[in-house]
């Protein structure tokens, strides 16, 4: 989750932009890298799909909180933001985080789940083939 936050936060500081709202491109990039890293390093008995959703959602919410605080501190000096503006900014990032985290977590988790099922099926067919040659 921290990998997602660090990648998204650093890329947001370097290039603050977005498609729908500020930070969505950075959040997508962070989620893809962070979820992929996590799913490559989980135990074999854990579900890829569930872990992808948990990591994607948790990491994107953490990113939303850090981007909200960053925006609030930066714009506080320039525009004299109030607490109401902090809450509105947090709500926008929170909605964005839920959508991106769930979508990418389920997509990447589903991909890893599909990939692991293909590997298991192909390895069992390979073992059957080798057994037939040994007879």
N, C-alpha and C. Protein backbone atom coordinates (compact mmCIF):
# COMPACT_ATOMS: atom_id res chain seq x y z
N UNK A 1 0.82 -1.19 0.00
CA UNK A 1 0.00 0.00 0.00
C UNK A 1 0.87 1.26 0.00
N UNK A 2 1.98 1.16 0.68
CA UNK A 2 2.87 2.32 0.75
C UNK A 2 3.54 2.57 -0.59
N UNK A 3 3.80 1.50 -1.34
CA UNK A 3 4.37 1.67 -2.68
C UNK A 3 3.41 2.45 -3.56
N UNK A 4 2.13 2.13 -3.48
CA UNK A 4 1.12 2.85 -4.25
C UNK A 4 1.13 4.33 -3.89
N UNK A 5 1.16 4.61 -2.59
CA UNK A 5 1.13 5.99 -2.13
C UNK A 5 2.39 6.74 -2.56
N UNK A 6 3.55 6.13 -2.40
CA UNK A 6 4.80 6.82 -2.75
C UNK A 6 4.88 7.13 -4.24
N UNK A 7 4.55 6.16 -5.07
CA UNK A 7 4.62 6.38 -6.52
C UNK A 7 3.63 7.46 -6.95
N UNK A 8 2.40 7.37 -6.44
CA UNK A 8 1.39 8.37 -6.82
C UNK A 8 1.74 9.75 -6.28
N UNK A 9 2.21 9.83 -5.05
CA UNK A 9 2.50 11.13 -4.44
C UNK A 9 3.69 11.81 -5.12
N UNK A 10 4.75 11.05 -5.36
CA UNK A 10 5.92 11.64 -6.01
C UNK A 10 5.61 12.06 -7.43
N UNK A 11 4.87 11.24 -8.17
CA UNK A 11 4.53 11.63 -9.53
C UNK A 11 3.55 12.81 -9.55
N UNK A 12 2.72 12.94 -8.50
CA UNK A 12 1.82 14.09 -8.42
C UNK A 12 2.59 15.38 -8.14
N UNK A 13 3.61 15.28 -7.32
CA UNK A 13 4.44 16.46 -7.04
C UNK A 13 5.19 16.89 -8.30
N UNK A 14 5.67 15.92 -9.08
CA UNK A 14 6.42 16.25 -10.30
C UNK A 14 5.49 16.79 -11.38
N UNK A 15 4.35 16.16 -11.58
CA UNK A 15 3.45 16.54 -12.67
C UNK A 15 1.99 16.50 -12.19
N UNK A 16 1.51 17.57 -11.56
CA UNK A 16 0.13 17.56 -11.04
C UNK A 16 -0.90 17.78 -12.15
N UNK A 17 -1.51 16.69 -12.59
CA UNK A 17 -2.55 16.78 -13.62
C UNK A 17 -3.51 15.63 -13.43
N UNK A 18 -4.49 15.54 -14.31
CA UNK A 18 -5.44 14.46 -14.23
C UNK A 18 -6.37 14.46 -15.42
N UNK A 19 -7.11 13.38 -15.56
CA UNK A 19 -8.08 13.26 -16.63
C UNK A 19 -9.43 13.82 -16.16
N UNK A 20 -9.95 13.25 -15.09
CA UNK A 20 -11.22 13.72 -14.53
C UNK A 20 -10.98 14.69 -13.38
N UNK A 21 -10.08 14.32 -12.50
CA UNK A 21 -9.73 15.16 -11.35
C UNK A 21 -8.23 15.02 -11.12
N UNK A 22 -7.63 16.02 -10.50
CA UNK A 22 -6.19 15.98 -10.28
C UNK A 22 -5.78 14.73 -9.52
N UNK A 23 -4.72 14.09 -9.99
CA UNK A 23 -4.16 12.95 -9.30
C UNK A 23 -4.66 11.60 -9.76
N UNK A 24 -5.61 11.55 -10.68
CA UNK A 24 -6.13 10.24 -11.07
C UNK A 24 -5.13 9.45 -11.92
N UNK A 25 -4.39 10.11 -12.78
CA UNK A 25 -3.37 9.42 -13.57
C UNK A 25 -2.29 8.86 -12.65
N UNK A 26 -1.87 9.67 -11.69
CA UNK A 26 -0.85 9.24 -10.75
C UNK A 26 -1.33 8.08 -9.87
N UNK A 27 -2.61 8.13 -9.48
CA UNK A 27 -3.18 7.06 -8.66
C UNK A 27 -3.27 5.76 -9.46
N UNK A 28 -3.62 5.85 -10.72
CA UNK A 28 -3.68 4.66 -11.58
C UNK A 28 -2.29 4.06 -11.73
N UNK A 29 -1.29 4.89 -11.98
CA UNK A 29 0.08 4.41 -12.12
C UNK A 29 0.56 3.75 -10.83
N UNK A 30 0.32 4.39 -9.69
CA UNK A 30 0.73 3.82 -8.41
C UNK A 30 0.03 2.51 -8.11
N UNK A 31 -1.27 2.43 -8.42
CA UNK A 31 -2.02 1.19 -8.16
C UNK A 31 -1.52 0.04 -9.02
N UNK A 32 -1.25 0.29 -10.27
CA UNK A 32 -0.78 -0.79 -11.14
C UNK A 32 0.56 -1.33 -10.65
N UNK A 33 1.49 -0.45 -10.34
CA UNK A 33 2.81 -0.89 -9.89
C UNK A 33 2.72 -1.55 -8.52
N UNK A 34 1.99 -0.95 -7.59
CA UNK A 34 1.90 -1.48 -6.24
C UNK A 34 1.17 -2.81 -6.16
N UNK A 35 0.07 -2.95 -6.88
CA UNK A 35 -0.68 -4.21 -6.85
C UNK A 35 0.12 -5.31 -7.53
N UNK A 36 0.76 -4.99 -8.62
CA UNK A 36 1.58 -5.99 -9.32
C UNK A 36 2.72 -6.46 -8.43
N UNK A 37 3.39 -5.53 -7.75
CA UNK A 37 4.47 -5.90 -6.84
C UNK A 37 3.96 -6.80 -5.72
N UNK A 38 2.81 -6.46 -5.17
CA UNK A 38 2.25 -7.25 -4.07
C UNK A 38 1.86 -8.64 -4.53
N UNK A 39 1.20 -8.75 -5.66
CA UNK A 39 0.72 -10.05 -6.12
C UNK A 39 1.85 -10.95 -6.59
N UNK A 40 2.96 -10.39 -6.99
CA UNK A 40 4.10 -11.22 -7.35
C UNK A 40 4.77 -11.80 -6.11
N UNK A 41 4.54 -11.21 -4.94
CA UNK A 41 5.22 -11.62 -3.72
C UNK A 41 4.31 -12.17 -2.64
N UNK A 42 3.12 -12.66 -2.98
CA UNK A 42 2.24 -13.21 -1.95
C UNK A 42 2.44 -14.72 -1.85
N UNK A 43 1.94 -15.28 -0.76
CA UNK A 43 2.04 -16.72 -0.54
C UNK A 43 1.12 -17.45 -1.52
N UNK A 44 1.48 -18.67 -1.89
CA UNK A 44 0.68 -19.39 -2.89
C UNK A 44 -0.74 -19.74 -2.43
N UNK A 45 -0.99 -19.81 -1.15
CA UNK A 45 -2.33 -20.20 -0.69
C UNK A 45 -3.27 -19.01 -0.54
N UNK A 46 -2.82 -17.80 -0.84
CA UNK A 46 -3.68 -16.62 -0.75
C UNK A 46 -4.34 -16.35 -2.10
N UNK A 47 -5.53 -15.74 -2.04
CA UNK A 47 -6.28 -15.43 -3.25
C UNK A 47 -5.74 -14.16 -3.91
N UNK A 48 -5.40 -14.26 -5.18
CA UNK A 48 -4.90 -13.10 -5.90
C UNK A 48 -5.96 -12.02 -6.01
N UNK A 49 -7.17 -12.43 -6.28
CA UNK A 49 -8.27 -11.48 -6.51
C UNK A 49 -8.55 -10.67 -5.24
N UNK A 50 -8.70 -11.35 -4.10
CA UNK A 50 -9.01 -10.66 -2.84
C UNK A 50 -7.85 -9.76 -2.42
N UNK A 51 -6.62 -10.26 -2.53
CA UNK A 51 -5.46 -9.46 -2.15
C UNK A 51 -5.31 -8.25 -3.06
N UNK A 52 -5.61 -8.40 -4.35
CA UNK A 52 -5.54 -7.26 -5.27
C UNK A 52 -6.53 -6.17 -4.90
N UNK A 53 -7.75 -6.57 -4.53
CA UNK A 53 -8.76 -5.58 -4.14
C UNK A 53 -8.36 -4.90 -2.83
N UNK A 54 -7.89 -5.67 -1.86
CA UNK A 54 -7.51 -5.09 -0.56
C UNK A 54 -6.36 -4.11 -0.73
N UNK A 55 -5.32 -4.51 -1.44
CA UNK A 55 -4.16 -3.63 -1.62
C UNK A 55 -4.52 -2.42 -2.48
N UNK A 56 -5.27 -2.62 -3.55
CA UNK A 56 -5.66 -1.50 -4.41
C UNK A 56 -6.51 -0.48 -3.69
N UNK A 57 -7.50 -0.96 -2.93
CA UNK A 57 -8.38 -0.05 -2.21
C UNK A 57 -7.64 0.66 -1.08
N UNK A 58 -6.89 -0.09 -0.30
CA UNK A 58 -6.15 0.52 0.81
C UNK A 58 -5.10 1.52 0.35
N UNK A 59 -4.36 1.15 -0.69
CA UNK A 59 -3.33 2.04 -1.22
C UNK A 59 -3.89 3.29 -1.85
N UNK A 60 -5.00 3.16 -2.56
CA UNK A 60 -5.58 4.34 -3.20
C UNK A 60 -6.22 5.27 -2.17
N UNK A 61 -6.79 4.72 -1.11
CA UNK A 61 -7.34 5.59 -0.05
C UNK A 61 -6.20 6.31 0.67
N UNK A 62 -5.09 5.60 0.92
CA UNK A 62 -3.93 6.25 1.53
C UNK A 62 -3.38 7.35 0.63
N UNK A 63 -3.37 7.10 -0.67
CA UNK A 63 -2.94 8.12 -1.63
C UNK A 63 -3.89 9.31 -1.62
N UNK A 64 -5.19 9.06 -1.55
CA UNK A 64 -6.17 10.14 -1.48
C UNK A 64 -5.96 11.02 -0.26
N UNK A 65 -5.65 10.41 0.88
CA UNK A 65 -5.40 11.19 2.10
C UNK A 65 -4.14 12.03 1.95
N UNK A 66 -3.07 11.44 1.42
CA UNK A 66 -1.83 12.21 1.29
C UNK A 66 -1.95 13.33 0.25
N UNK A 67 -2.67 13.07 -0.84
CA UNK A 67 -2.85 14.14 -1.84
C UNK A 67 -3.75 15.25 -1.32
N UNK A 68 -4.74 14.89 -0.50
CA UNK A 68 -5.60 15.91 0.11
C UNK A 68 -4.80 16.81 1.03
N UNK A 69 -3.98 16.22 1.86
CA UNK A 69 -3.16 17.02 2.79
C UNK A 69 -2.17 17.88 2.02
N UNK A 70 -1.56 17.31 0.97
CA UNK A 70 -0.62 18.08 0.16
C UNK A 70 -1.31 19.27 -0.51
N UNK A 71 -2.46 19.03 -1.13
CA UNK A 71 -3.19 20.13 -1.77
C UNK A 71 -3.62 21.18 -0.76
N UNK A 72 -4.08 20.74 0.39
CA UNK A 72 -4.54 21.68 1.40
C UNK A 72 -3.40 22.55 1.91
N UNK A 73 -2.22 21.95 2.13
CA UNK A 73 -1.08 22.73 2.63
C UNK A 73 -0.59 23.69 1.55
N UNK A 74 -0.50 23.23 0.31
CA UNK A 74 -0.01 24.09 -0.77
C UNK A 74 -0.96 25.24 -1.03
N UNK A 75 -2.26 24.94 -1.11
CA UNK A 75 -3.22 25.98 -1.43
C UNK A 75 -3.63 26.81 -0.22
N UNK A 76 -3.34 26.33 0.97
CA UNK A 76 -3.66 27.09 2.18
C UNK A 76 -2.90 28.41 2.18
N UNK A 77 -1.66 28.35 1.73
CA UNK A 77 -0.84 29.54 1.70
C UNK A 77 -1.33 30.53 0.64
N UNK A 78 -1.79 30.03 -0.49
CA UNK A 78 -2.18 30.90 -1.61
C UNK A 78 -3.62 31.39 -1.53
N UNK A 79 -4.55 30.52 -1.18
CA UNK A 79 -5.96 30.86 -1.27
C UNK A 79 -6.69 30.93 0.07
N UNK A 80 -6.01 30.69 1.14
CA UNK A 80 -6.63 30.69 2.47
C UNK A 80 -7.79 29.71 2.53
N UNK A 81 -7.50 28.45 2.25
CA UNK A 81 -8.53 27.41 2.31
C UNK A 81 -9.04 27.25 3.73
N UNK A 82 -10.26 26.86 3.80
CA UNK A 82 -10.88 26.61 5.10
C UNK A 82 -11.02 25.11 5.32
N UNK A 83 -11.56 24.75 6.45
CA UNK A 83 -11.78 23.34 6.76
C UNK A 83 -12.82 22.73 5.82
N UNK A 84 -13.78 23.53 5.39
CA UNK A 84 -14.79 23.05 4.44
C UNK A 84 -14.13 22.65 3.12
N UNK A 85 -13.18 23.43 2.65
CA UNK A 85 -12.48 23.10 1.42
C UNK A 85 -11.64 21.83 1.58
N UNK A 86 -11.09 21.63 2.78
CA UNK A 86 -10.34 20.39 3.05
C UNK A 86 -11.27 19.19 2.94
N UNK A 87 -12.45 19.27 3.50
CA UNK A 87 -13.40 18.17 3.46
C UNK A 87 -13.90 17.90 2.05
N UNK A 88 -14.14 18.94 1.29
CA UNK A 88 -14.59 18.77 -0.10
C UNK A 88 -13.49 18.11 -0.93
N UNK A 89 -12.25 18.56 -0.75
CA UNK A 89 -11.13 17.96 -1.47
C UNK A 89 -10.96 16.50 -1.09
N UNK A 90 -11.09 16.21 0.22
CA UNK A 90 -10.97 14.82 0.67
C UNK A 90 -12.07 13.95 0.09
N UNK A 91 -13.29 14.46 0.02
CA UNK A 91 -14.40 13.69 -0.56
C UNK A 91 -14.15 13.37 -2.02
N UNK A 92 -13.63 14.34 -2.78
CA UNK A 92 -13.35 14.10 -4.19
C UNK A 92 -12.26 13.04 -4.37
N UNK A 93 -11.19 13.16 -3.59
CA UNK A 93 -10.13 12.16 -3.67
C UNK A 93 -10.60 10.79 -3.17
N UNK A 94 -11.47 10.77 -2.17
CA UNK A 94 -11.97 9.52 -1.62
C UNK A 94 -12.83 8.78 -2.64
N UNK A 95 -13.70 9.50 -3.32
CA UNK A 95 -14.53 8.88 -4.36
C UNK A 95 -13.64 8.34 -5.49
N UNK A 96 -12.67 9.15 -5.89
CA UNK A 96 -11.73 8.73 -6.92
C UNK A 96 -10.93 7.50 -6.47
N UNK A 97 -10.52 7.47 -5.22
CA UNK A 97 -9.73 6.35 -4.69
C UNK A 97 -10.55 5.06 -4.66
N UNK A 98 -11.80 5.15 -4.28
CA UNK A 98 -12.63 3.94 -4.23
C UNK A 98 -12.83 3.37 -5.64
N UNK A 99 -13.12 4.23 -6.59
CA UNK A 99 -13.35 3.76 -7.96
C UNK A 99 -12.07 3.16 -8.55
N UNK A 100 -10.96 3.87 -8.45
CA UNK A 100 -9.71 3.40 -9.03
C UNK A 100 -9.19 2.17 -8.28
N UNK A 101 -9.24 2.19 -6.96
CA UNK A 101 -8.72 1.07 -6.17
C UNK A 101 -9.48 -0.22 -6.42
N UNK A 102 -10.81 -0.14 -6.42
CA UNK A 102 -11.60 -1.35 -6.67
C UNK A 102 -11.43 -1.85 -8.10
N UNK A 103 -11.45 -0.94 -9.05
CA UNK A 103 -11.36 -1.35 -10.45
C UNK A 103 -10.00 -1.98 -10.75
N UNK A 104 -8.93 -1.30 -10.39
CA UNK A 104 -7.61 -1.85 -10.71
C UNK A 104 -7.26 -3.05 -9.85
N UNK A 105 -7.71 -3.05 -8.59
CA UNK A 105 -7.47 -4.22 -7.75
C UNK A 105 -8.13 -5.46 -8.29
N UNK A 106 -9.37 -5.32 -8.75
CA UNK A 106 -10.06 -6.48 -9.30
C UNK A 106 -9.49 -6.88 -10.67
N UNK A 107 -9.11 -5.91 -11.49
CA UNK A 107 -8.54 -6.24 -12.80
C UNK A 107 -7.19 -6.94 -12.68
N UNK A 108 -6.29 -6.36 -11.92
CA UNK A 108 -4.95 -6.96 -11.79
C UNK A 108 -5.03 -8.26 -11.01
N UNK A 109 -5.84 -8.31 -9.95
CA UNK A 109 -6.03 -9.54 -9.20
C UNK A 109 -6.65 -10.64 -10.04
N UNK A 110 -7.63 -10.29 -10.85
CA UNK A 110 -8.25 -11.26 -11.74
C UNK A 110 -7.27 -11.77 -12.79
N UNK A 111 -6.43 -10.88 -13.30
CA UNK A 111 -5.41 -11.29 -14.27
C UNK A 111 -4.44 -12.29 -13.64
N UNK A 112 -3.94 -11.99 -12.44
CA UNK A 112 -3.02 -12.90 -11.76
C UNK A 112 -3.71 -14.22 -11.42
N UNK A 113 -4.97 -14.16 -11.04
CA UNK A 113 -5.72 -15.39 -10.75
C UNK A 113 -5.87 -16.24 -12.01
N UNK A 114 -6.22 -15.61 -13.11
CA UNK A 114 -6.35 -16.31 -14.40
C UNK A 114 -5.01 -16.91 -14.82
N UNK A 115 -3.95 -16.13 -14.67
CA UNK A 115 -2.62 -16.57 -15.05
C UNK A 115 -2.16 -17.76 -14.21
N UNK A 116 -2.47 -17.74 -12.91
CA UNK A 116 -2.07 -18.86 -12.05
C UNK A 116 -2.89 -20.11 -12.37
N UNK A 117 -4.15 -19.97 -12.73
CA UNK A 117 -4.97 -21.13 -13.10
C UNK A 117 -4.48 -21.77 -14.40
N UNK A 118 -4.07 -20.97 -15.35
CA UNK A 118 -3.52 -21.51 -16.60
C UNK A 118 -2.24 -22.26 -16.32
N UNK A 119 -1.40 -21.71 -15.45
CA UNK A 119 -0.13 -22.35 -15.12
C UNK A 119 -0.36 -23.69 -14.43
N UNK A 120 -1.33 -23.76 -13.54
CA UNK A 120 -1.64 -25.00 -12.83
C UNK A 120 -2.18 -26.05 -13.80
N UNK A 121 -3.09 -25.64 -14.70
CA UNK A 121 -3.64 -26.58 -15.66
C UNK A 121 -2.58 -27.08 -16.62
N UNK A 122 -1.70 -26.19 -17.09
CA UNK A 122 -0.67 -26.63 -18.03
C UNK A 122 0.34 -27.52 -17.34
N UNK A 123 0.67 -27.25 -16.08
CA UNK A 123 1.65 -28.10 -15.40
C UNK A 123 1.08 -29.48 -15.13
N UNK A 124 -0.23 -29.59 -14.84
CA UNK A 124 -0.82 -30.91 -14.63
C UNK A 124 -0.86 -31.69 -15.94
N UNK A 125 -1.10 -31.02 -17.07
CA UNK A 125 -1.07 -31.70 -18.37
C UNK A 125 0.35 -32.14 -18.71
N UNK A 126 1.33 -31.31 -18.35
CA UNK A 126 2.72 -31.69 -18.59
C UNK A 126 3.10 -32.91 -17.78
N UNK A 127 2.63 -32.97 -16.54
CA UNK A 127 2.93 -34.12 -15.69
C UNK A 127 2.26 -35.39 -16.25
N UNK A 128 1.05 -35.28 -16.75
CA UNK A 128 0.37 -36.43 -17.36
C UNK A 128 1.13 -36.91 -18.59
N UNK A 129 1.63 -35.97 -19.38
CA UNK A 129 2.39 -36.32 -20.56
C UNK A 129 3.68 -37.05 -20.19
N UNK A 130 4.38 -36.52 -19.18
CA UNK A 130 5.62 -37.16 -18.74
C UNK A 130 5.36 -38.54 -18.15
N UNK A 131 4.26 -38.70 -17.43
CA UNK A 131 3.91 -40.00 -16.89
C UNK A 131 3.61 -41.01 -18.00
N UNK A 132 2.97 -40.57 -19.07
CA UNK A 132 2.67 -41.48 -20.18
C UNK A 132 3.94 -41.88 -20.91
N UNK A 133 4.95 -41.02 -20.93
CA UNK A 133 6.22 -41.38 -21.58
C UNK A 133 7.00 -42.37 -20.74
N UNK A 134 6.88 -42.29 -19.42
CA UNK A 134 7.62 -43.18 -18.53
C UNK A 134 7.05 -44.59 -18.51
N UNK A 135 5.84 -44.80 -18.97
CA UNK A 135 5.23 -46.13 -18.94
C UNK A 135 5.76 -47.00 -19.99
